[in-house]
Amino acid sequence: MSLCEVCGGTARAGIPVYLLIDREADQAVLYTEPVGEEYRRKVPYKRSEAVPLPAPFGFELDTGAF
C-alpha cells in the first residue's frame, strides 16, 4: 500500500488531522481538511522542526526524535 493510498483512506474516513513522518524524504507532512479521498491542506515540515498540531490536539510536536 502506498502512502497516497493510506492518506486517501484516512481522508475518506473523515480523520481531521493526519501526520505523516517520512524518514526517506526527511520530512513530516501535516494533512488537514479532509474532503472525499484527499486533504485540502498539506503542509510539509523538515523532520527536525516542530509541527503545530491543530485542534483537538493544540500543541507542537517535536519531530526531531523521529
PDB file of N, CA and C in Angstrom:
ATOM      1  N   MET A   1       0.849  -1.177   0.000  1.00  0.00           N
ATOM      2  CA  MET A   1       0.000   0.000   0.000  1.00  0.00           C
ATOM      3  C   MET A   1       0.893   1.239   0.000  1.00  0.00           C
ATOM      4  N   SER A   2       0.601   2.183  -0.895  1.00  0.00           N
ATOM      5  CA  SER A   2       1.407   3.396  -0.986  1.00  0.00           C
ATOM      6  C   SER A   2       0.961   4.418   0.057  1.00  0.00           C
ATOM      7  N   LEU A   3       1.810   5.408   0.269  1.00  0.00           N
ATOM      8  CA  LEU A   3       1.469   6.463   1.211  1.00  0.00           C
ATOM      9  C   LEU A   3       0.236   7.229   0.745  1.00  0.00           C
ATOM     10  N   CYS A   4       0.076   7.399  -0.569  1.00  0.00           N
ATOM     11  CA  CYS A   4      -1.098   8.088  -1.119  1.00  0.00           C
ATOM     12  C   CYS A   4      -2.371   7.323  -0.803  1.00  0.00           C
ATOM     13  N   GLU A   5      -2.318   6.001  -0.879  1.00  0.00           N
ATOM     14  CA  GLU A   5      -3.490   5.179  -0.574  1.00  0.00           C
ATOM     15  C   GLU A   5      -3.870   5.293   0.898  1.00  0.00           C
ATOM     16  N   VAL A   6      -2.893   5.302   1.769  1.00  0.00           N
ATOM     17  CA  VAL A   6      -3.161   5.439   3.201  1.00  0.00           C
ATOM     18  C   VAL A   6      -3.791   6.794   3.483  1.00  0.00           C
ATOM     19  N   CYS A   7      -3.228   7.830   2.905  1.00  0.00           N
ATOM     20  CA  CYS A   7      -3.739   9.182   3.110  1.00  0.00           C
ATOM     21  C   CYS A   7      -5.172   9.299   2.582  1.00  0.00           C
ATOM     22  N   GLY A   8      -5.444   8.711   1.424  1.00  0.00           N
ATOM     23  CA  GLY A   8      -6.796   8.732   0.866  1.00  0.00           C
ATOM     24  C   GLY A   8      -7.786   8.020   1.758  1.00  0.00           C
ATOM     25  N   GLY A   9      -7.359   6.923   2.347  1.00  0.00           N
ATOM     26  CA  GLY A   9      -8.236   6.173   3.252  1.00  0.00           C
ATOM     27  C   GLY A   9      -8.561   6.938   4.515  1.00  0.00           C
ATOM     28  N   THR A  10      -7.579   7.641   5.052  1.00  0.00           N
ATOM     29  CA  THR A  10      -7.838   8.420   6.267  1.00  0.00           C
ATOM     30  C   THR A  10      -8.725   9.614   5.967  1.00  0.00           C
ATOM     31  N   ALA A  11      -8.530  10.240   4.809  1.00  0.00           N
ATOM     32  CA  ALA A  11      -9.396  11.361   4.419  1.00  0.00           C
ATOM     33  C   ALA A  11     -10.828  10.874   4.221  1.00  0.00           C
ATOM     34  N   ARG A  12     -10.983   9.764   3.533  1.00  0.00           N
ATOM     35  CA  ARG A  12     -12.309   9.189   3.273  1.00  0.00           C
ATOM     36  C   ARG A  12     -13.019   8.856   4.589  1.00  0.00           C
ATOM     37  N   ALA A  13     -12.256   8.435   5.581  1.00  0.00           N
ATOM     38  CA  ALA A  13     -12.830   8.106   6.894  1.00  0.00           C
ATOM     39  C   ALA A  13     -13.163   9.356   7.708  1.00  0.00           C
ATOM     40  N   GLY A  14     -12.768  10.537   7.208  1.00  0.00           N
ATOM     41  CA  GLY A  14     -13.074  11.784   7.905  1.00  0.00           C
ATOM     42  C   GLY A  14     -12.127  12.115   9.033  1.00  0.00           C
ATOM     43  N   ILE A  15     -10.955  11.503   9.040  1.00  0.00           N
ATOM     44  CA  ILE A  15      -9.967  11.797  10.088  1.00  0.00           C
ATOM     45  C   ILE A  15      -9.446  13.211   9.844  1.00  0.00           C
ATOM     46  N   PRO A  16      -9.664  14.137  10.783  1.00  0.00           N
ATOM     47  CA  PRO A  16      -9.392  15.553  10.523  1.00  0.00           C
ATOM     48  C   PRO A  16      -7.924  15.941  10.440  1.00  0.00           C
ATOM     49  N   VAL A  17      -7.063  15.199  11.117  1.00  0.00           N
ATOM     50  CA  VAL A  17      -5.635  15.529  11.130  1.00  0.00           C
ATOM     51  C   VAL A  17      -4.842  14.249  10.909  1.00  0.00           C
ATOM     52  N   TYR A  18      -3.947  14.302   9.920  1.00  0.00           N
ATOM     53  CA  TYR A  18      -3.110  13.143   9.614  1.00  0.00           C
ATOM     54  C   TYR A  18      -1.681  13.634   9.489  1.00  0.00           C
ATOM     55  N   LEU A  19      -0.795  13.092  10.302  1.00  0.00           N
ATOM     56  CA  LEU A  19       0.616  13.481  10.276  1.00  0.00           C
ATOM     57  C   LEU A  19       1.427  12.311   9.762  1.00  0.00           C
ATOM     58  N   LEU A  20       2.147  12.554   8.683  1.00  0.00           N
ATOM     59  CA  LEU A  20       2.988  11.532   8.081  1.00  0.00           C
ATOM     60  C   LEU A  20       4.449  11.888   8.349  1.00  0.00           C
ATOM     61  N   ILE A  21       5.173  10.977   8.982  1.00  0.00           N
ATOM     62  CA  ILE A  21       6.608  11.154   9.183  1.00  0.00           C
ATOM     63  C   ILE A  21       7.289  10.316   8.099  1.00  0.00           C
ATOM     64  N   ASP A  22       7.913  10.980   7.154  1.00  0.00           N
ATOM     65  CA  ASP A  22       8.568  10.309   6.035  1.00  0.00           C
ATOM     66  C   ASP A  22      10.077  10.395   6.236  1.00  0.00           C
ATOM     67  N   ARG A  23      10.641   9.338   6.791  1.00  0.00           N
ATOM     68  CA  ARG A  23      12.079   9.350   7.084  1.00  0.00           C
ATOM     69  C   ARG A  23      12.917   9.322   5.822  1.00  0.00           C
ATOM     70  N   GLU A  24      12.428   8.703   4.752  1.00  0.00           N
ATOM     71  CA  GLU A  24      13.177   8.679   3.495  1.00  0.00           C
ATOM     72  C   GLU A  24      13.320  10.077   2.905  1.00  0.00           C
ATOM     73  N   ALA A  25      12.268  10.863   2.985  1.00  0.00           N
ATOM     74  CA  ALA A  25      12.295  12.237   2.465  1.00  0.00           C
ATOM     75  C   ALA A  25      12.766  13.231   3.522  1.00  0.00           C
ATOM     76  N   ASP A  26      13.006  12.749   4.748  1.00  0.00           N
ATOM     77  CA  ASP A  26      13.444  13.570   5.871  1.00  0.00           C
ATOM     78  C   ASP A  26      12.478  14.730   6.134  1.00  0.00           C
ATOM     79  N   GLN A  27      11.191  14.400   6.142  1.00  0.00           N
ATOM     80  CA  GLN A  27      10.197  15.437   6.395  1.00  0.00           C
ATOM     81  C   GLN A  27       8.976  14.871   7.108  1.00  0.00           C
ATOM     82  N   ALA A  28       8.207  15.786   7.672  1.00  0.00           N
ATOM     83  CA  ALA A  28       6.906  15.466   8.242  1.00  0.00           C
ATOM     84  C   ALA A  28       5.893  16.251   7.422  1.00  0.00           C
ATOM     85  N   VAL A  29       4.780  15.627   7.106  1.00  0.00           N
ATOM     86  CA  VAL A  29       3.738  16.303   6.327  1.00  0.00           C
ATOM     87  C   VAL A  29       2.447  16.258   7.128  1.00  0.00           C
ATOM     88  N   LEU A  30       1.879  17.436   7.357  1.00  0.00           N
ATOM     89  CA  LEU A  30       0.637  17.550   8.107  1.00  0.00           C
ATOM     90  C   LEU A  30      -0.506  17.749   7.120  1.00  0.00           C
ATOM     91  N   TYR A  31      -1.462  16.824   7.140  1.00  0.00           N
ATOM     92  CA  TYR A  31      -2.636  16.884   6.275  1.00  0.00           C
ATOM     93  C   TYR A  31      -3.847  17.258   7.125  1.00  0.00           C
ATOM     94  N   THR A  32      -4.629  18.234   6.655  1.00  0.00           N
ATOM     95  CA  THR A  32      -5.847  18.636   7.351  1.00  0.00           C
ATOM     96  C   THR A  32      -6.946  18.946   6.328  1.00  0.00           C
ATOM     97  N   GLU A  33      -8.146  19.127   6.808  1.00  0.00           N
ATOM     98  CA  GLU A  33      -9.312  19.464   5.994  1.00  0.00           C
ATOM     99  C   GLU A  33      -9.646  18.374   4.967  1.00  0.00           C
ATOM    100  N   PRO A  34     -10.028  17.178   5.442  1.00  0.00           N
ATOM    101  CA  PRO A  34     -10.362  16.095   4.524  1.00  0.00           C
ATOM    102  C   PRO A  34     -11.646  16.371   3.734  1.00  0.00           C
ATOM    103  N   VAL A  35     -11.589  16.055   2.442  1.00  0.00           N
ATOM    104  CA  VAL A  35     -12.749  16.151   1.557  1.00  0.00           C
ATOM    105  C   VAL A  35     -12.678  14.968   0.606  1.00  0.00           C
ATOM    106  N   GLY A  36     -13.661  14.102   0.678  1.00  0.00           N
ATOM    107  CA  GLY A  36     -13.636  12.918  -0.172  1.00  0.00           C
ATOM    108  C   GLY A  36     -12.441  12.044   0.154  1.00  0.00           C
ATOM    109  N   GLU A  37     -11.617  11.773  -0.838  1.00  0.00           N
ATOM    110  CA  GLU A  37     -10.438  10.919  -0.648  1.00  0.00           C
ATOM    111  C   GLU A  37      -9.134  11.699  -0.604  1.00  0.00           C
ATOM    112  N   GLU A  38      -9.207  12.982  -0.304  1.00  0.00           N
ATOM    113  CA  GLU A  38      -7.981  13.777  -0.211  1.00  0.00           C
ATOM    114  C   GLU A  38      -8.113  14.839   0.856  1.00  0.00           C
ATOM    115  N   TYR A  39      -7.001  15.444   1.171  1.00  0.00           N
ATOM    116  CA  TYR A  39      -6.963  16.534   2.145  1.00  0.00           C
ATOM    117  C   TYR A  39      -6.750  17.838   1.386  1.00  0.00           C
ATOM    118  N   ARG A  40      -7.509  18.856   1.741  1.00  0.00           N
ATOM    119  CA  ARG A  40      -7.358  20.169   1.102  1.00  0.00           C
ATOM    120  C   ARG A  40      -6.032  20.817   1.443  1.00  0.00           C
ATOM    121  N   ARG A  41      -5.571  20.583   2.652  1.00  0.00           N
ATOM    122  CA  ARG A  41      -4.361  21.265   3.118  1.00  0.00           C
ATOM    123  C   ARG A  41      -3.264  20.252   3.394  1.00  0.00           C
ATOM    124  N   LYS A  42      -2.081  20.528   2.844  1.00  0.00           N
ATOM    125  CA  LYS A  42      -0.912  19.667   3.021  1.00  0.00           C
ATOM    126  C   LYS A  42       0.278  20.582   3.294  1.00  0.00           C
ATOM    127  N   VAL A  43       0.855  20.482   4.497  1.00  0.00           N
ATOM    128  CA  VAL A  43       1.954  21.363   4.878  1.00  0.00           C
ATOM    129  C   VAL A  43       3.176  20.526   5.239  1.00  0.00           C
ATOM    130  N   PRO A  44       4.248  20.625   4.441  1.00  0.00           N
ATOM    131  CA  PRO A  44       5.466  19.876   4.758  1.00  0.00           C
ATOM    132  C   PRO A  44       6.350  20.647   5.754  1.00  0.00           C
ATOM    133  N   TYR A  45       7.033  19.894   6.593  1.00  0.00           N
ATOM    134  CA  TYR A  45       7.983  20.446   7.563  1.00  0.00           C
ATOM    135  C   TYR A  45       9.250  19.605   7.491  1.00  0.00           C
ATOM    136  N   LYS A  46      10.394  20.221   7.759  1.00  0.00           N
ATOM    137  CA  LYS A  46      11.623  19.437   7.910  1.00  0.00           C
ATOM    138  C   LYS A  46      11.446  18.568   9.133  1.00  0.00           C
ATOM    139  N   ARG A  47      12.029  17.390   9.101  1.00  0.00           N
ATOM    140  CA  ARG A  47      11.819  16.440  10.199  1.00  0.00           C
ATOM    141  C   ARG A  47      12.317  16.964  11.538  1.00  0.00           C
ATOM    142  N   SER A  48      13.239  17.896  11.553  1.00  0.00           N
ATOM    143  CA  SER A  48      13.753  18.435  12.816  1.00  0.00           C
ATOM    144  C   SER A  48      12.902  19.585  13.359  1.00  0.00           C
ATOM    145  N   GLU A  49      11.910  20.045  12.589  1.00  0.00           N
ATOM    146  CA  GLU A  49      11.065  21.153  13.009  1.00  0.00           C
ATOM    147  C   GLU A  49       9.922  20.685  13.901  1.00  0.00           C
ATOM    148  N   ALA A  50       9.431  21.608  14.715  1.00  0.00           N
ATOM    149  CA  ALA A  50       8.230  21.338  15.495  1.00  0.00           C
ATOM    150  C   ALA A  50       7.023  21.538  14.589  1.00  0.00           C
ATOM    151  N   VAL A  51       6.089  20.612  14.650  1.00  0.00           N
ATOM    152  CA  VAL A  51       4.879  20.686  13.830  1.00  0.00           C
ATOM    153  C   VAL A  51       3.720  21.138  14.725  1.00  0.00           C
ATOM    154  N   PRO A  52       3.105  22.288  14.399  1.00  0.00           N
ATOM    155  CA  PRO A  52       1.963  22.749  15.198  1.00  0.00           C
ATOM    156  C   PRO A  52       0.715  21.943  14.847  1.00  0.00           C
ATOM    157  N   LEU A  53       0.257  21.148  15.774  1.00  0.00           N
ATOM    158  CA  LEU A  53      -0.939  20.333  15.545  1.00  0.00           C
ATOM    159  C   LEU A  53      -2.178  21.135  15.910  1.00  0.00           C
ATOM    160  N   PRO A  54      -3.163  21.180  15.004  1.00  0.00           N
ATOM    161  CA  PRO A  54      -4.379  21.948  15.285  1.00  0.00           C
ATOM    162  C   PRO A  54      -5.289  21.215  16.268  1.00  0.00           C
ATOM    163  N   ALA A  55      -6.403  21.846  16.615  1.00  0.00           N
ATOM    164  CA  ALA A  55      -7.411  21.217  17.476  1.00  0.00           C
ATOM    165  C   ALA A  55      -7.867  19.927  16.820  1.00  0.00           C
ATOM    166  N   PRO A  56      -8.115  18.920  17.557  1.00  0.00           N
ATOM    167  CA  PRO A  56      -8.302  18.872  19.006  1.00  0.00           C
ATOM    168  C   PRO A  56      -7.012  18.701  19.801  1.00  0.00           C
ATOM    169  N   PHE A  57      -5.862  18.651  19.133  1.00  0.00           N
ATOM    170  CA  PHE A  57      -4.594  18.433  19.840  1.00  0.00           C
ATOM    171  C   PHE A  57      -4.069  19.727  20.445  1.00  0.00           C
ATOM    172  N   GLY A  58      -3.820  20.732  19.617  1.00  0.00           N
ATOM    173  CA  GLY A  58      -3.446  22.043  20.119  1.00  0.00           C
ATOM    174  C   GLY A  58      -2.080  22.144  20.761  1.00  0.00           C
ATOM    175  N   PHE A  59      -1.082  21.443  20.235  1.00  0.00           N
ATOM    176  CA  PHE A  59       0.281  21.583  20.746  1.00  0.00           C
ATOM    177  C   PHE A  59       1.257  21.369  19.597  1.00  0.00           C
ATOM    178  N   GLU A  60       2.526  21.703  19.839  1.00  0.00           N
ATOM    179  CA  GLU A  60       3.563  21.485  18.834  1.00  0.00           C
ATOM    180  C   GLU A  60       4.275  20.178  19.116  1.00  0.00           C
ATOM    181  N   LEU A  61       4.465  19.394  18.075  1.00  0.00           N
ATOM    182  CA  LEU A  61       5.133  18.103  18.195  1.00  0.00           C
ATOM    183  C   LEU A  61       6.547  18.220  17.631  1.00  0.00           C
ATOM    184  N   ASP A  62       7.542  17.950  18.467  1.00  0.00           N
ATOM    185  CA  ASP A  62       8.928  17.967  18.030  1.00  0.00           C
ATOM    186  C   ASP A  62       9.192  16.677  17.238  1.00  0.00           C
ATOM    187  N   THR A  63       9.472  16.816  15.945  1.00  0.00           N
ATOM    188  CA  THR A  63       9.671  15.652  15.098  1.00  0.00           C
ATOM    189  C   THR A  63      11.132  15.221  15.004  1.00  0.00           C
ATOM    190  N   GLY A  64      12.019  15.893  15.691  1.00  0.00           N
ATOM    191  CA  GLY A  64      13.433  15.586  15.629  1.00  0.00           C
ATOM    192  C   GLY A  64      13.777  14.177  16.086  1.00  0.00           C
ATOM    193  N   ALA A  65      13.024  13.642  17.020  1.00  0.00           N
ATOM    194  CA  ALA A  65      13.299  12.305  17.552  1.00  0.00           C
ATOM    195  C   ALA A  65      12.836  11.190  16.619  1.00  0.00           C
ATOM    196  N   PHE A  66      12.038  11.542  15.632  1.00  0.00           N
ATOM    197  CA  PHE A  66      11.529  10.523  14.717  1.00  0.00           C
ATOM    198  C   PHE A  66      12.542  10.288  13.627  1.00  0.00           C
TER     199      PHE A  66
END
